[in-house]
Amino acid sequence: MAGLVGWVFIGRLVTLDDDEPEGWSNPVDDGEVWRSSLRSLAVKGLVFGVIVVAGLAFPALRSLGAS
């Protein structure tokens, strides 16, 4: 689970520059697109962090995943 969420987070981080003002996905310099992207990245980072911390704090959770 942490690997999947980490992959989503890293993928969003890598493509974040596309949503910058005047970037590939935001050619009209719309600030809302950029703020929405940053919020999305923050939520994904928070979920990733919670899953990693939960896995470290409760080692029994790791046994529930694929082996």
C-alpha atoms as a PDB file:
ATOM      1  CA  MET A   1       0.000   0.000   0.000  1.00  0.00           C
ATOM      2  CA  ALA A   2       2.773   2.416   0.904  1.00  0.00           C
ATOM      3  CA  GLY A   3       4.483   1.670  -2.399  1.00  0.00           C
ATOM      4  CA  LEU A   4       1.366   2.478  -4.391  1.00  0.00           C
ATOM      5  CA  VAL A   5       0.667   5.703  -2.498  1.00  0.00           C
ATOM      6  CA  GLY A   6       4.340   6.651  -2.741  1.00  0.00           C
ATOM      7  CA  TRP A   7       4.246   6.093  -6.495  1.00  0.00           C
ATOM      8  CA  VAL A   8       1.202   8.388  -6.803  1.00  0.00           C
ATOM      9  CA  PHE A   9       2.898  11.057  -4.667  1.00  0.00           C
ATOM     10  CA  ILE A  10       6.186  10.952  -6.598  1.00  0.00           C
ATOM     11  CA  GLY A  11       4.333  10.956  -9.930  1.00  0.00           C
ATOM     12  CA  ARG A  12       2.415  14.075  -8.914  1.00  0.00           C
ATOM     13  CA  LEU A  13       5.601  15.737  -7.687  1.00  0.00           C
ATOM     14  CA  VAL A  14       7.403  15.012 -10.976  1.00  0.00           C
ATOM     15  CA  THR A  15       4.582  16.437 -13.096  1.00  0.00           C
ATOM     16  CA  LEU A  16       3.826  19.401 -10.821  1.00  0.00           C
ATOM     17  CA  ASP A  17       5.677  21.843 -13.067  1.00  0.00           C
ATOM     18  CA  ASP A  18       3.101  21.262 -15.836  1.00  0.00           C
ATOM     19  CA  ASP A  19       0.532  23.142 -13.740  1.00  0.00           C
ATOM     20  CA  GLU A  20       2.721  26.149 -12.989  1.00  0.00           C
ATOM     21  CA  PRO A  21       1.458  29.434 -14.400  1.00  0.00           C
ATOM     22  CA  GLU A  22       2.105  29.406 -18.167  1.00  0.00           C
ATOM     23  CA  GLY A  23       3.071  25.707 -17.974  1.00  0.00           C
ATOM     24  CA  TRP A  24       1.950  22.912 -20.286  1.00  0.00           C
ATOM     25  CA  SER A  25      -1.393  22.295 -18.530  1.00  0.00           C
ATOM     26  CA  ASN A  26      -1.920  25.918 -17.475  1.00  0.00           C
ATOM     27  CA  PRO A  27      -1.114  28.136 -20.475  1.00  0.00           C
ATOM     28  CA  VAL A  28      -3.486  30.963 -19.495  1.00  0.00           C
ATOM     29  CA  ASP A  29      -1.759  31.645 -16.146  1.00  0.00           C
ATOM     30  CA  ASP A  30      -4.732  30.542 -14.011  1.00  0.00           C
ATOM     31  CA  GLY A  31      -3.713  30.685 -10.365  1.00  0.00           C
ATOM     32  CA  GLU A  32      -6.505  28.323  -9.289  1.00  0.00           C
ATOM     33  CA  VAL A  33      -5.020  25.454 -11.318  1.00  0.00           C
ATOM     34  CA  TRP A  34      -1.673  25.938  -9.574  1.00  0.00           C
ATOM     35  CA  ARG A  35      -3.235  26.173  -6.085  1.00  0.00           C
ATOM     36  CA  SER A  36      -5.350  23.094  -6.786  1.00  0.00           C
ATOM     37  CA  SER A  37      -2.229  21.193  -7.808  1.00  0.00           C
ATOM     38  CA  LEU A  38      -0.403  22.188  -4.663  1.00  0.00           C
ATOM     39  CA  ARG A  39      -3.385  21.128  -2.514  1.00  0.00           C
ATOM     40  CA  SER A  40      -3.521  17.799  -4.332  1.00  0.00           C
ATOM     41  CA  LEU A  41       0.192  17.250  -3.732  1.00  0.00           C
ATOM     42  CA  ALA A  42      -0.179  18.142  -0.041  1.00  0.00           C
ATOM     43  CA  VAL A  43      -3.056  15.679   0.443  1.00  0.00           C
ATOM     44  CA  LYS A  44      -1.160  12.882  -1.308  1.00  0.00           C
ATOM     45  CA  GLY A  45       1.941  13.621   0.747  1.00  0.00           C
ATOM     46  CA  LEU A  46      -0.093  13.588   3.955  1.00  0.00           C
ATOM     47  CA  VAL A  47      -1.698  10.231   3.106  1.00  0.00           C
ATOM     48  CA  PHE A  48       1.706   8.783   2.211  1.00  0.00           C
ATOM     49  CA  GLY A  49       3.183  10.055   5.480  1.00  0.00           C
ATOM     50  CA  VAL A  50       0.334   8.634   7.560  1.00  0.00           C
ATOM     51  CA  ILE A  51       0.678   5.216   5.924  1.00  0.00           C
ATOM     52  CA  VAL A  52       4.454   5.147   6.432  1.00  0.00           C
ATOM     53  CA  VAL A  53       4.199   6.252  10.072  1.00  0.00           C
ATOM     54  CA  ALA A  54       1.421   3.719  10.739  1.00  0.00           C
ATOM     55  CA  GLY A  55       3.548   0.973   9.204  1.00  0.00           C
ATOM     56  CA  LEU A  56       6.512   1.919  11.375  1.00  0.00           C
ATOM     57  CA  ALA A  57       4.492   2.402  14.561  1.00  0.00           C
ATOM     58  CA  PHE A  58       2.468  -0.795  14.160  1.00  0.00           C
ATOM     59  CA  PRO A  59       4.681  -3.500  12.622  1.00  0.00           C
ATOM     60  CA  ALA A  60       1.772  -5.983  12.646  1.00  0.00           C
ATOM     61  CA  LEU A  61       0.155  -3.942   9.856  1.00  0.00           C
ATOM     62  CA  ARG A  62       2.978  -4.937   7.516  1.00  0.00           C
ATOM     63  CA  SER A  63       1.993  -8.571   7.767  1.00  0.00           C
ATOM     64  CA  LEU A  64      -1.414  -7.739   6.254  1.00  0.00           C
ATOM     65  CA  GLY A  65       0.116  -6.757   2.914  1.00  0.00           C
ATOM     66  CA  ALA A  66       1.350  -8.971   0.110  1.00  0.00           C
ATOM     67  CA  SER A  67       4.368 -11.064   0.922  1.00  0.00           C
END
